[in-house]
Amino acid sequence: MSPNERGKLGQYLWDIRAAKKMSQRAAEAATGVSNAYLSQLETGKIKNPSPQVLLKISEAYGVPYETLMELSGHMKPSSGDNARRGRLPTFATEELTDAEEDELLKYLAYLRTRNGTK
């Protein structure tokens, strides 16, 4: 499935879960959200989960709640350069396109998987 079919939220959730080497069953246990629902989020079948579900996921995955709220369309993206998807200050001075940022996240997920880090 391509990232366009998956949607930004779904791709982001999949990337984070993969980087943490977490199965959907483990994610279910950590979030209290069914693995079937998580799968539908990741594949883009569910595009607008409730803020309560996003809060559970953000806490379990260790990602900013605001990022999930923005990617799901509940909030407009913040105007700050570093606010989008919790971007680290490392790239704050770079003018990254959305495609470049997506590729960096995929590469980071790959490195973390390869190195066995979370």
N, C-alpha and C. Protein backbone atom coordinates (compact mmCIF):
# COMPACT_ATOMS: atom_id res chain seq x y z
N MET A 1 0.85 -1.18 0.00
CA MET A 1 0.00 0.00 0.00
C MET A 1 0.89 1.24 0.00
N SER A 2 0.60 2.17 -0.86
CA SER A 2 1.41 3.38 -0.98
C SER A 2 1.06 4.36 0.13
N PRO A 3 2.00 5.27 0.47
CA PRO A 3 1.72 6.28 1.48
C PRO A 3 0.52 7.15 1.13
N ASN A 4 0.28 7.39 -0.17
CA ASN A 4 -0.88 8.20 -0.56
C ASN A 4 -2.18 7.50 -0.22
N GLU A 5 -2.23 6.19 -0.42
CA GLU A 5 -3.43 5.43 -0.08
C GLU A 5 -3.60 5.36 1.44
N ARG A 6 -2.52 5.27 2.13
CA ARG A 6 -2.51 5.11 3.57
C ARG A 6 -2.91 6.41 4.27
N GLY A 7 -2.54 7.54 3.74
CA GLY A 7 -2.79 8.81 4.38
C GLY A 7 -1.66 9.16 5.33
N LYS A 8 -1.51 10.44 5.61
CA LYS A 8 -0.40 10.89 6.45
C LYS A 8 -0.49 10.35 7.87
N LEU A 9 -1.69 10.35 8.46
CA LEU A 9 -1.83 9.83 9.82
C LEU A 9 -1.49 8.35 9.85
N GLY A 10 -2.06 7.59 8.94
CA GLY A 10 -1.82 6.15 8.91
C GLY A 10 -0.35 5.82 8.72
N GLN A 11 0.30 6.50 7.80
CA GLN A 11 1.72 6.26 7.54
C GLN A 11 2.55 6.62 8.76
N TYR A 12 2.22 7.74 9.39
CA TYR A 12 2.94 8.18 10.58
C TYR A 12 2.81 7.13 11.70
N LEU A 13 1.59 6.66 11.94
CA LEU A 13 1.37 5.67 13.00
C LEU A 13 2.12 4.38 12.69
N TRP A 14 2.08 3.95 11.42
CA TRP A 14 2.78 2.74 11.05
C TRP A 14 4.29 2.91 11.24
N ASP A 15 4.83 4.04 10.81
CA ASP A 15 6.27 4.30 10.94
C ASP A 15 6.71 4.26 12.40
N ILE A 16 5.94 4.90 13.26
CA ILE A 16 6.30 4.94 14.68
C ILE A 16 6.23 3.54 15.29
N ARG A 17 5.16 2.82 15.01
CA ARG A 17 5.00 1.47 15.57
C ARG A 17 6.11 0.55 15.06
N ALA A 18 6.44 0.67 13.78
CA ALA A 18 7.51 -0.15 13.21
C ALA A 18 8.86 0.19 13.84
N ALA A 19 9.09 1.48 14.04
CA ALA A 19 10.35 1.91 14.65
C ALA A 19 10.50 1.37 16.08
N LYS A 20 9.38 1.22 16.75
CA LYS A 20 9.39 0.69 18.11
C LYS A 20 9.35 -0.83 18.14
N LYS A 21 9.33 -1.46 16.95
CA LYS A 21 9.24 -2.91 16.84
C LYS A 21 8.05 -3.44 17.64
N MET A 22 6.94 -2.77 17.49
CA MET A 22 5.74 -3.11 18.23
C MET A 22 4.73 -3.74 17.28
N SER A 23 4.24 -4.91 17.64
CA SER A 23 3.19 -5.53 16.84
C SER A 23 1.87 -4.80 17.10
N GLN A 24 0.89 -5.05 16.24
CA GLN A 24 -0.41 -4.43 16.48
C GLN A 24 -1.04 -4.96 17.77
N ARG A 25 -0.78 -6.20 18.09
CA ARG A 25 -1.29 -6.76 19.36
C ARG A 25 -0.64 -6.06 20.55
N ALA A 26 0.66 -5.81 20.47
CA ALA A 26 1.35 -5.09 21.55
C ALA A 26 0.83 -3.66 21.64
N ALA A 27 0.58 -3.05 20.48
CA ALA A 27 0.03 -1.69 20.46
C ALA A 27 -1.37 -1.68 21.09
N GLU A 28 -2.14 -2.72 20.82
CA GLU A 28 -3.47 -2.85 21.42
C GLU A 28 -3.36 -2.90 22.94
N ALA A 29 -2.43 -3.70 23.44
CA ALA A 29 -2.24 -3.81 24.88
C ALA A 29 -1.79 -2.48 25.50
N ALA A 30 -0.93 -1.77 24.79
CA ALA A 30 -0.40 -0.51 25.31
C ALA A 30 -1.41 0.64 25.26
N THR A 31 -2.29 0.60 24.26
CA THR A 31 -3.21 1.73 24.07
C THR A 31 -4.62 1.47 24.58
N GLY A 32 -5.01 0.20 24.63
CA GLY A 32 -6.39 -0.12 24.95
C GLY A 32 -7.31 0.03 23.75
N VAL A 33 -6.72 0.24 22.58
CA VAL A 33 -7.45 0.38 21.32
C VAL A 33 -7.28 -0.94 20.56
N SER A 34 -8.36 -1.49 20.03
CA SER A 34 -8.28 -2.80 19.38
C SER A 34 -7.30 -2.80 18.22
N ASN A 35 -6.65 -3.95 18.02
CA ASN A 35 -5.69 -4.02 16.92
C ASN A 35 -6.37 -3.87 15.57
N ALA A 36 -7.64 -4.27 15.47
CA ALA A 36 -8.38 -4.09 14.22
C ALA A 36 -8.55 -2.60 13.91
N TYR A 37 -8.88 -1.82 14.93
CA TYR A 37 -9.04 -0.38 14.75
C TYR A 37 -7.70 0.26 14.39
N LEU A 38 -6.64 -0.15 15.09
CA LEU A 38 -5.30 0.38 14.79
C LEU A 38 -4.91 0.06 13.35
N SER A 39 -5.22 -1.14 12.91
CA SER A 39 -4.92 -1.53 11.52
C SER A 39 -5.67 -0.64 10.54
N GLN A 40 -6.93 -0.37 10.82
CA GLN A 40 -7.72 0.49 9.94
C GLN A 40 -7.20 1.92 9.93
N LEU A 41 -6.69 2.37 11.06
CA LEU A 41 -6.06 3.70 11.10
C LEU A 41 -4.82 3.72 10.20
N GLU A 42 -3.98 2.70 10.34
CA GLU A 42 -2.73 2.64 9.59
C GLU A 42 -2.95 2.51 8.09
N THR A 43 -4.01 1.84 7.69
CA THR A 43 -4.26 1.65 6.26
C THR A 43 -5.10 2.77 5.66
N GLY A 44 -5.51 3.71 6.49
CA GLY A 44 -6.27 4.85 5.99
C GLY A 44 -7.76 4.61 5.86
N LYS A 45 -8.24 3.47 6.31
CA LYS A 45 -9.68 3.21 6.25
C LYS A 45 -10.44 4.07 7.26
N ILE A 46 -9.78 4.39 8.36
CA ILE A 46 -10.32 5.35 9.32
C ILE A 46 -9.39 6.55 9.28
N LYS A 47 -9.94 7.69 8.91
CA LYS A 47 -9.12 8.89 8.75
C LYS A 47 -9.29 9.90 9.87
N ASN A 48 -10.36 9.78 10.63
CA ASN A 48 -10.68 10.79 11.63
C ASN A 48 -11.01 10.15 12.98
N PRO A 49 -10.02 9.57 13.66
CA PRO A 49 -10.29 8.97 14.96
C PRO A 49 -10.61 10.03 16.00
N SER A 50 -11.22 9.61 17.08
CA SER A 50 -11.60 10.57 18.13
C SER A 50 -10.35 11.09 18.84
N PRO A 51 -10.44 12.29 19.41
CA PRO A 51 -9.31 12.81 20.19
C PRO A 51 -8.92 11.89 21.35
N GLN A 52 -9.88 11.18 21.91
CA GLN A 52 -9.57 10.27 23.02
C GLN A 52 -8.69 9.11 22.56
N VAL A 53 -8.98 8.58 21.38
CA VAL A 53 -8.16 7.50 20.82
C VAL A 53 -6.77 8.03 20.52
N LEU A 54 -6.69 9.22 19.95
CA LEU A 54 -5.39 9.81 19.63
C LEU A 54 -4.56 10.05 20.89
N LEU A 55 -5.20 10.43 21.98
CA LEU A 55 -4.49 10.63 23.23
C LEU A 55 -3.88 9.32 23.73
N LYS A 56 -4.65 8.25 23.68
CA LYS A 56 -4.15 6.93 24.10
C LYS A 56 -2.95 6.52 23.25
N ILE A 57 -3.07 6.73 21.94
CA ILE A 57 -1.98 6.36 21.04
C ILE A 57 -0.74 7.22 21.30
N SER A 58 -0.94 8.52 21.47
CA SER A 58 0.21 9.41 21.69
C SER A 58 0.97 9.03 22.95
N GLU A 59 0.24 8.67 23.99
CA GLU A 59 0.89 8.28 25.24
C GLU A 59 1.64 6.96 25.09
N ALA A 60 1.03 5.98 24.43
CA ALA A 60 1.66 4.67 24.27
C ALA A 60 2.85 4.72 23.31
N TYR A 61 2.75 5.53 22.26
CA TYR A 61 3.81 5.60 21.25
C TYR A 61 4.88 6.64 21.59
N GLY A 62 4.59 7.49 22.56
CA GLY A 62 5.55 8.53 22.93
C GLY A 62 5.70 9.61 21.88
N VAL A 63 4.59 9.97 21.24
CA VAL A 63 4.62 11.03 20.23
C VAL A 63 3.72 12.17 20.68
N PRO A 64 3.96 13.38 20.19
CA PRO A 64 3.16 14.52 20.60
C PRO A 64 1.69 14.37 20.20
N TYR A 65 0.81 14.58 21.16
CA TYR A 65 -0.63 14.53 20.93
C TYR A 65 -1.03 15.53 19.85
N GLU A 66 -0.44 16.71 19.87
CA GLU A 66 -0.76 17.76 18.90
C GLU A 66 -0.47 17.30 17.48
N THR A 67 0.59 16.53 17.32
CA THR A 67 0.95 16.02 15.99
C THR A 67 -0.16 15.12 15.46
N LEU A 68 -0.64 14.21 16.29
CA LEU A 68 -1.71 13.31 15.87
C LEU A 68 -3.00 14.08 15.60
N MET A 69 -3.27 15.10 16.41
CA MET A 69 -4.46 15.92 16.20
C MET A 69 -4.38 16.65 14.86
N GLU A 70 -3.20 17.14 14.50
CA GLU A 70 -3.02 17.84 13.23
C GLU A 70 -3.15 16.87 12.06
N LEU A 71 -2.49 15.72 12.15
CA LEU A 71 -2.51 14.76 11.04
C LEU A 71 -3.90 14.19 10.81
N SER A 72 -4.72 14.15 11.86
CA SER A 72 -6.08 13.62 11.72
C SER A 72 -7.08 14.68 11.28
N GLY A 73 -6.64 15.95 11.25
CA GLY A 73 -7.52 17.03 10.82
C GLY A 73 -8.32 17.67 11.94
N HIS A 74 -8.07 17.29 13.18
CA HIS A 74 -8.78 17.90 14.30
C HIS A 74 -8.25 19.30 14.61
N MET A 75 -6.99 19.54 14.28
CA MET A 75 -6.37 20.85 14.52
C MET A 75 -5.66 21.29 13.25
N LYS A 76 -5.61 22.59 13.06
CA LYS A 76 -4.80 23.12 11.96
C LYS A 76 -3.34 23.05 12.38
N PRO A 77 -2.45 22.81 11.42
CA PRO A 77 -1.03 22.77 11.76
C PRO A 77 -0.59 24.08 12.40
N SER A 78 0.29 23.96 13.38
CA SER A 78 0.84 25.13 14.04
C SER A 78 1.70 25.91 13.07
N SER A 79 1.83 27.18 13.32
CA SER A 79 2.61 28.01 12.40
C SER A 79 4.11 27.86 12.59
N GLY A 80 4.53 27.34 13.74
CA GLY A 80 5.96 27.19 14.00
C GLY A 80 6.58 26.10 13.16
N ASP A 81 7.81 26.30 12.73
CA ASP A 81 8.50 25.32 11.90
C ASP A 81 8.66 23.97 12.60
N ASN A 82 8.91 23.99 13.91
CA ASN A 82 9.19 22.76 14.63
C ASN A 82 7.93 22.08 15.13
N ALA A 83 6.79 22.69 14.98
CA ALA A 83 5.57 22.12 15.54
C ALA A 83 5.05 20.95 14.72
N ARG A 84 5.25 20.99 13.43
CA ARG A 84 4.71 19.93 12.57
C ARG A 84 5.39 18.60 12.89
N ARG A 85 4.59 17.63 13.26
CA ARG A 85 5.02 16.28 13.55
C ARG A 85 6.15 16.21 14.57
N GLY A 86 6.21 17.15 15.47
CA GLY A 86 7.22 17.09 16.51
C GLY A 86 8.63 17.16 15.97
N ARG A 87 8.82 17.90 14.92
CA ARG A 87 10.14 17.98 14.27
C ARG A 87 11.20 18.41 15.28
N LEU A 88 12.30 17.72 15.27
CA LEU A 88 13.39 18.04 16.18
C LEU A 88 14.14 19.27 15.69
N PRO A 89 14.74 20.01 16.60
CA PRO A 89 15.50 21.20 16.21
C PRO A 89 16.64 20.91 15.25
N THR A 90 17.04 19.66 15.11
CA THR A 90 18.12 19.30 14.20
C THR A 90 17.87 19.83 12.80
N PHE A 91 16.62 19.81 12.34
CA PHE A 91 16.29 20.24 11.00
C PHE A 91 15.54 21.57 10.99
N ALA A 92 15.59 22.29 12.09
CA ALA A 92 14.84 23.53 12.19
C ALA A 92 15.29 24.57 11.18
N THR A 93 16.56 24.56 10.82
CA THR A 93 17.06 25.57 9.88
C THR A 93 16.94 25.11 8.44
N GLU A 94 16.58 23.86 8.22
CA GLU A 94 16.45 23.32 6.86
C GLU A 94 15.04 23.60 6.33
N GLU A 95 14.96 23.84 5.05
CA GLU A 95 13.66 24.01 4.39
C GLU A 95 13.28 22.67 3.76
N LEU A 96 12.72 21.77 4.57
CA LEU A 96 12.36 20.44 4.09
C LEU A 96 10.98 20.47 3.46
N THR A 97 10.85 19.76 2.35
CA THR A 97 9.52 19.59 1.78
C THR A 97 8.82 18.48 2.56
N ASP A 98 7.50 18.35 2.38
CA ASP A 98 6.77 17.27 3.04
C ASP A 98 7.31 15.92 2.62
N ALA A 99 7.65 15.78 1.33
CA ALA A 99 8.17 14.52 0.83
C ALA A 99 9.53 14.19 1.47
N GLU A 100 10.39 15.20 1.61
CA GLU A 100 11.69 14.98 2.25
C GLU A 100 11.52 14.58 3.71
N GLU A 101 10.61 15.25 4.41
CA GLU A 101 10.39 14.92 5.80
C GLU A 101 9.84 13.50 5.94
N ASP A 102 8.92 13.11 5.05
CA ASP A 102 8.39 11.75 5.08
C ASP A 102 9.50 10.73 4.85
N GLU A 103 10.40 11.01 3.91
CA GLU A 103 11.49 10.09 3.63
C GLU A 103 12.44 9.99 4.83
N LEU A 104 12.69 11.11 5.50
CA LEU A 104 13.54 11.09 6.70
C LEU A 104 12.91 10.24 7.80
N LEU A 105 11.60 10.36 7.98
CA LEU A 105 10.92 9.55 9.00
C LEU A 105 10.99 8.06 8.65
N LYS A 106 10.83 7.73 7.38
CA LYS A 106 10.93 6.34 6.96
C LYS A 106 12.34 5.81 7.21
N TYR A 107 13.33 6.62 6.89
CA TYR A 107 14.71 6.19 7.09
C TYR A 107 15.02 6.03 8.57
N LEU A 108 14.51 6.94 9.39
CA LEU A 108 14.69 6.83 10.83
C LEU A 108 14.05 5.55 11.35
N ALA A 109 12.84 5.23 10.89
CA ALA A 109 12.17 3.99 11.29
C ALA A 109 13.02 2.79 10.89
N TYR A 110 13.58 2.82 9.67
CA TYR A 110 14.44 1.73 9.20
C TYR A 110 15.67 1.60 10.10
N LEU A 111 16.35 2.71 10.38
CA LEU A 111 17.55 2.67 11.22
C LEU A 111 17.24 2.12 12.60
N ARG A 112 16.14 2.57 13.16
CA ARG A 112 15.77 2.09 14.50
C ARG A 112 15.46 0.60 14.47
N THR A 113 14.83 0.14 13.43
CA THR A 113 14.52 -1.28 13.30
C THR A 113 15.81 -2.08 13.16
N ARG A 114 16.69 -1.59 12.31
CA ARG A 114 17.96 -2.27 12.07
C ARG A 114 18.84 -2.32 13.31
N ASN A 115 18.85 -1.20 14.06
CA ASN A 115 19.72 -1.09 15.23
C ASN A 115 19.08 -1.63 16.50
N GLY A 116 17.81 -1.96 16.43
CA GLY A 116 17.13 -2.50 17.59
C GLY A 116 16.83 -1.48 18.67
N THR A 117 16.74 -0.20 18.27
CA THR A 117 16.40 0.84 19.23
C THR A 117 14.94 1.20 19.09
N LYS A 118 14.44 1.85 20.11
CA LYS A 118 13.02 2.23 20.09
C LYS A 118 12.82 3.63 19.62
